[in-house]
């Protein structure tokens, strides 16, 4: 099944709004997938697209500095956070 660009954009907006609501914390892909009720791989694909656009940052290390092997945390970039803050 193919999802239209419009629907992907809506899901992206939902993800960004969720990240804004928990900012400045970062959150794992699996938790974002639960929030938007979508498959983890699909959410990861959207997050990587948002990363290419410079809207989100991917965190690959835990607080002690050790690299994650199979997962990532995500947060809004500073510029995206400020843009959302202005619209609120």
N, C-alpha and C. Protein backbone atom coordinates (compact mmCIF):
# COMPACT_ATOMS: atom_id res chain seq x y z
N UNK A 1 0.84 -1.17 0.00
CA UNK A 1 0.00 0.00 0.00
C UNK A 1 0.89 1.25 0.00
N UNK A 2 0.56 2.19 -0.83
CA UNK A 2 1.34 3.40 -0.95
C UNK A 2 0.63 4.55 -0.23
N UNK A 3 1.41 5.35 0.48
CA UNK A 3 0.86 6.49 1.21
C UNK A 3 1.17 7.76 0.41
N UNK A 4 0.18 8.61 0.28
CA UNK A 4 0.34 9.83 -0.50
C UNK A 4 1.28 10.81 0.20
N UNK A 5 1.82 11.73 -0.58
CA UNK A 5 2.71 12.75 -0.04
C UNK A 5 2.00 13.61 0.99
N UNK A 6 0.73 13.90 0.76
CA UNK A 6 -0.06 14.69 1.71
C UNK A 6 -0.12 14.02 3.08
N UNK A 7 -0.37 12.71 3.08
CA UNK A 7 -0.47 11.98 4.34
C UNK A 7 0.88 11.89 5.03
N UNK A 8 1.96 11.70 4.25
CA UNK A 8 3.29 11.69 4.84
C UNK A 8 3.61 13.03 5.48
N UNK A 9 3.21 14.12 4.82
CA UNK A 9 3.42 15.46 5.37
C UNK A 9 2.66 15.64 6.67
N UNK A 10 1.43 15.15 6.73
CA UNK A 10 0.62 15.24 7.95
C UNK A 10 1.27 14.46 9.09
N UNK A 11 1.79 13.26 8.77
CA UNK A 11 2.46 12.44 9.78
C UNK A 11 3.73 13.14 10.25
N UNK A 12 4.46 13.75 9.32
CA UNK A 12 5.67 14.50 9.67
C UNK A 12 5.33 15.66 10.60
N UNK A 13 4.25 16.36 10.30
CA UNK A 13 3.81 17.46 11.16
C UNK A 13 3.46 16.96 12.55
N UNK A 14 2.79 15.81 12.62
CA UNK A 14 2.43 15.23 13.92
C UNK A 14 3.68 14.87 14.71
N UNK A 15 4.67 14.31 14.04
CA UNK A 15 5.93 13.95 14.70
C UNK A 15 6.62 15.20 15.22
N UNK A 16 6.70 16.24 14.40
CA UNK A 16 7.34 17.49 14.82
C UNK A 16 6.61 18.12 16.00
N UNK A 17 5.29 18.11 15.96
CA UNK A 17 4.50 18.67 17.07
C UNK A 17 4.74 17.87 18.36
N UNK A 18 4.82 16.56 18.23
CA UNK A 18 5.09 15.73 19.41
C UNK A 18 6.48 16.02 19.97
N UNK A 19 7.49 16.12 19.11
CA UNK A 19 8.84 16.43 19.58
C UNK A 19 8.89 17.81 20.23
N UNK A 20 8.11 18.74 19.70
CA UNK A 20 8.04 20.08 20.31
C UNK A 20 7.43 20.00 21.71
N UNK A 21 6.41 19.17 21.86
CA UNK A 21 5.71 19.08 23.15
C UNK A 21 6.59 18.50 24.25
N UNK A 22 7.59 17.69 23.90
CA UNK A 22 8.46 17.09 24.91
C UNK A 22 9.83 17.76 24.96
N UNK A 23 10.05 18.74 24.11
CA UNK A 23 11.34 19.41 24.03
C UNK A 23 11.70 20.03 25.36
N UNK A 24 12.92 20.01 25.80
CA UNK A 24 14.17 19.69 25.13
C UNK A 24 14.60 18.22 25.24
N UNK A 25 13.75 17.37 25.79
CA UNK A 25 14.09 15.95 25.89
C UNK A 25 14.19 15.33 24.50
N UNK A 26 14.91 14.22 24.45
CA UNK A 26 14.95 13.43 23.22
C UNK A 26 14.21 12.13 23.48
N UNK A 27 13.78 11.48 22.41
CA UNK A 27 12.95 10.29 22.56
C UNK A 27 13.32 9.25 21.49
N UNK A 28 13.16 7.98 21.85
CA UNK A 28 13.50 6.90 20.93
C UNK A 28 12.47 6.77 19.82
N UNK A 29 12.92 6.23 18.70
CA UNK A 29 12.06 6.02 17.53
C UNK A 29 10.83 5.19 17.90
N UNK A 30 11.02 4.16 18.71
CA UNK A 30 9.90 3.28 19.07
C UNK A 30 8.81 4.04 19.82
N UNK A 31 9.19 4.98 20.66
CA UNK A 31 8.20 5.76 21.41
C UNK A 31 7.45 6.73 20.48
N UNK A 32 8.15 7.28 19.52
CA UNK A 32 7.51 8.16 18.53
C UNK A 32 6.51 7.35 17.71
N UNK A 33 6.90 6.13 17.32
CA UNK A 33 6.01 5.26 16.55
C UNK A 33 4.74 4.95 17.31
N UNK A 34 4.85 4.74 18.61
CA UNK A 34 3.67 4.49 19.43
C UNK A 34 2.78 5.72 19.46
N UNK A 35 3.39 6.89 19.61
CA UNK A 35 2.62 8.14 19.69
C UNK A 35 1.84 8.42 18.41
N UNK A 36 2.44 8.17 17.25
CA UNK A 36 1.76 8.46 15.99
C UNK A 36 1.06 7.23 15.41
N UNK A 37 1.08 6.14 16.15
CA UNK A 37 0.40 4.89 15.76
C UNK A 37 0.81 4.42 14.37
N UNK A 38 2.11 4.35 14.15
CA UNK A 38 2.66 3.89 12.88
C UNK A 38 3.77 2.88 13.14
N UNK A 39 4.14 2.17 12.09
CA UNK A 39 5.22 1.19 12.14
C UNK A 39 6.55 1.90 12.39
N UNK A 40 7.44 1.25 13.18
CA UNK A 40 8.72 1.86 13.51
C UNK A 40 9.58 2.16 12.29
N UNK A 41 9.60 1.25 11.33
CA UNK A 41 10.42 1.46 10.13
C UNK A 41 9.90 2.65 9.31
N UNK A 42 8.60 2.80 9.23
CA UNK A 42 8.01 3.92 8.52
C UNK A 42 8.34 5.23 9.23
N UNK A 43 8.22 5.23 10.54
CA UNK A 43 8.55 6.43 11.33
C UNK A 43 10.03 6.77 11.18
N UNK A 44 10.88 5.76 11.19
CA UNK A 44 12.32 5.99 11.04
C UNK A 44 12.62 6.62 9.68
N UNK A 45 11.95 6.14 8.64
CA UNK A 45 12.13 6.70 7.30
C UNK A 45 11.74 8.18 7.28
N UNK A 46 10.61 8.51 7.90
CA UNK A 46 10.17 9.91 7.95
C UNK A 46 11.15 10.75 8.76
N UNK A 47 11.63 10.22 9.89
CA UNK A 47 12.59 10.95 10.71
C UNK A 47 13.89 11.21 9.95
N UNK A 48 14.34 10.24 9.17
CA UNK A 48 15.56 10.44 8.38
C UNK A 48 15.34 11.51 7.31
N UNK A 49 14.13 11.56 6.73
CA UNK A 49 13.81 12.62 5.77
C UNK A 49 13.81 13.98 6.46
N UNK A 50 13.24 14.04 7.67
CA UNK A 50 13.24 15.30 8.42
C UNK A 50 14.66 15.71 8.82
N UNK A 51 15.51 14.72 9.07
CA UNK A 51 16.91 15.02 9.39
C UNK A 51 17.62 15.63 8.19
N UNK A 52 17.36 15.10 6.99
CA UNK A 52 17.95 15.65 5.77
C UNK A 52 17.53 17.09 5.56
N UNK A 53 16.30 17.43 5.96
CA UNK A 53 15.78 18.79 5.82
C UNK A 53 16.28 19.70 6.94
N UNK A 54 16.96 19.13 7.94
CA UNK A 54 17.50 19.92 9.03
C UNK A 54 16.48 20.27 10.11
N UNK A 55 15.41 19.49 10.20
CA UNK A 55 14.35 19.79 11.18
C UNK A 55 14.52 19.03 12.49
N UNK A 56 15.16 17.86 12.45
CA UNK A 56 15.38 17.07 13.66
C UNK A 56 16.85 16.65 13.73
N UNK A 57 17.28 16.31 14.95
CA UNK A 57 18.63 15.81 15.17
C UNK A 57 18.56 14.38 15.67
N UNK A 58 19.48 13.57 15.19
CA UNK A 58 19.55 12.17 15.61
C UNK A 58 20.66 12.05 16.65
N UNK A 59 20.36 11.39 17.76
CA UNK A 59 21.33 11.18 18.82
C UNK A 59 21.64 9.70 18.88
N UNK A 60 22.91 9.36 18.65
CA UNK A 60 23.31 7.96 18.58
C UNK A 60 24.08 7.47 19.80
N UNK A 61 24.17 8.33 20.84
CA UNK A 61 24.92 7.94 22.04
C UNK A 61 24.07 8.14 23.28
N UNK A 62 24.32 7.31 24.27
CA UNK A 62 23.61 7.44 25.53
C UNK A 62 24.25 8.54 26.37
N UNK A 63 23.67 8.91 27.51
CA UNK A 63 24.23 9.99 28.32
C UNK A 63 25.67 9.76 28.79
N UNK A 64 26.09 8.49 28.87
CA UNK A 64 27.48 8.19 29.27
C UNK A 64 28.45 8.27 28.09
N UNK A 65 27.94 8.48 26.88
CA UNK A 65 28.80 8.61 25.71
C UNK A 65 29.00 7.33 24.91
N UNK A 66 28.34 6.26 25.30
CA UNK A 66 28.46 5.00 24.56
C UNK A 66 27.48 5.00 23.40
N UNK A 67 27.93 4.51 22.26
CA UNK A 67 27.09 4.49 21.07
C UNK A 67 26.01 3.41 21.18
N UNK A 68 24.80 3.78 20.72
CA UNK A 68 23.73 2.80 20.62
C UNK A 68 24.02 1.90 19.43
N UNK A 69 23.71 0.61 19.55
CA UNK A 69 23.96 -0.31 18.45
C UNK A 69 22.80 -0.34 17.46
N UNK A 70 21.57 -0.33 17.97
CA UNK A 70 20.43 -0.52 17.08
C UNK A 70 19.34 0.53 17.21
N UNK A 71 19.54 1.56 17.98
CA UNK A 71 18.46 2.52 18.15
C UNK A 71 18.99 3.95 18.17
N UNK A 72 18.08 4.88 18.05
CA UNK A 72 18.44 6.29 18.05
C UNK A 72 17.40 7.08 18.82
N UNK A 73 17.85 8.19 19.37
CA UNK A 73 16.93 9.14 19.98
C UNK A 73 16.84 10.34 19.06
N UNK A 74 15.73 11.06 19.15
CA UNK A 74 15.48 12.18 18.25
C UNK A 74 15.03 13.40 19.04
N UNK A 75 15.42 14.57 18.55
CA UNK A 75 15.00 15.83 19.13
C UNK A 75 14.92 16.88 18.04
N UNK A 76 14.22 17.96 18.30
CA UNK A 76 14.14 19.05 17.34
C UNK A 76 15.46 19.81 17.31
N UNK A 77 15.81 20.34 16.14
CA UNK A 77 16.96 21.24 16.08
C UNK A 77 16.56 22.55 16.73
N UNK A 78 17.54 23.35 17.11
CA UNK A 78 17.26 24.63 17.76
C UNK A 78 16.44 25.55 16.87
N UNK A 79 16.78 25.58 15.59
CA UNK A 79 16.05 26.47 14.67
C UNK A 79 14.59 26.04 14.50
N UNK A 80 14.35 24.73 14.46
CA UNK A 80 12.98 24.23 14.35
C UNK A 80 12.20 24.54 15.62
N UNK A 81 12.84 24.37 16.77
CA UNK A 81 12.18 24.67 18.03
C UNK A 81 11.77 26.15 18.08
N UNK A 82 12.67 27.04 17.69
CA UNK A 82 12.37 28.47 17.70
C UNK A 82 11.23 28.81 16.73
N UNK A 83 11.20 28.16 15.57
CA UNK A 83 10.12 28.40 14.60
C UNK A 83 8.77 27.97 15.17
N UNK A 84 8.74 26.80 15.84
CA UNK A 84 7.50 26.33 16.46
C UNK A 84 7.08 27.25 17.60
N UNK A 85 8.08 27.72 18.35
CA UNK A 85 7.81 28.58 19.50
C UNK A 85 7.12 29.89 19.05
N UNK A 86 7.54 30.41 17.90
CA UNK A 86 6.98 31.65 17.38
C UNK A 86 5.52 31.47 16.95
N UNK A 87 5.17 30.27 16.48
CA UNK A 87 3.81 30.03 16.02
C UNK A 87 2.84 29.74 17.15
N UNK A 88 3.36 29.44 18.31
CA UNK A 88 2.49 29.10 19.45
C UNK A 88 1.96 30.32 20.13
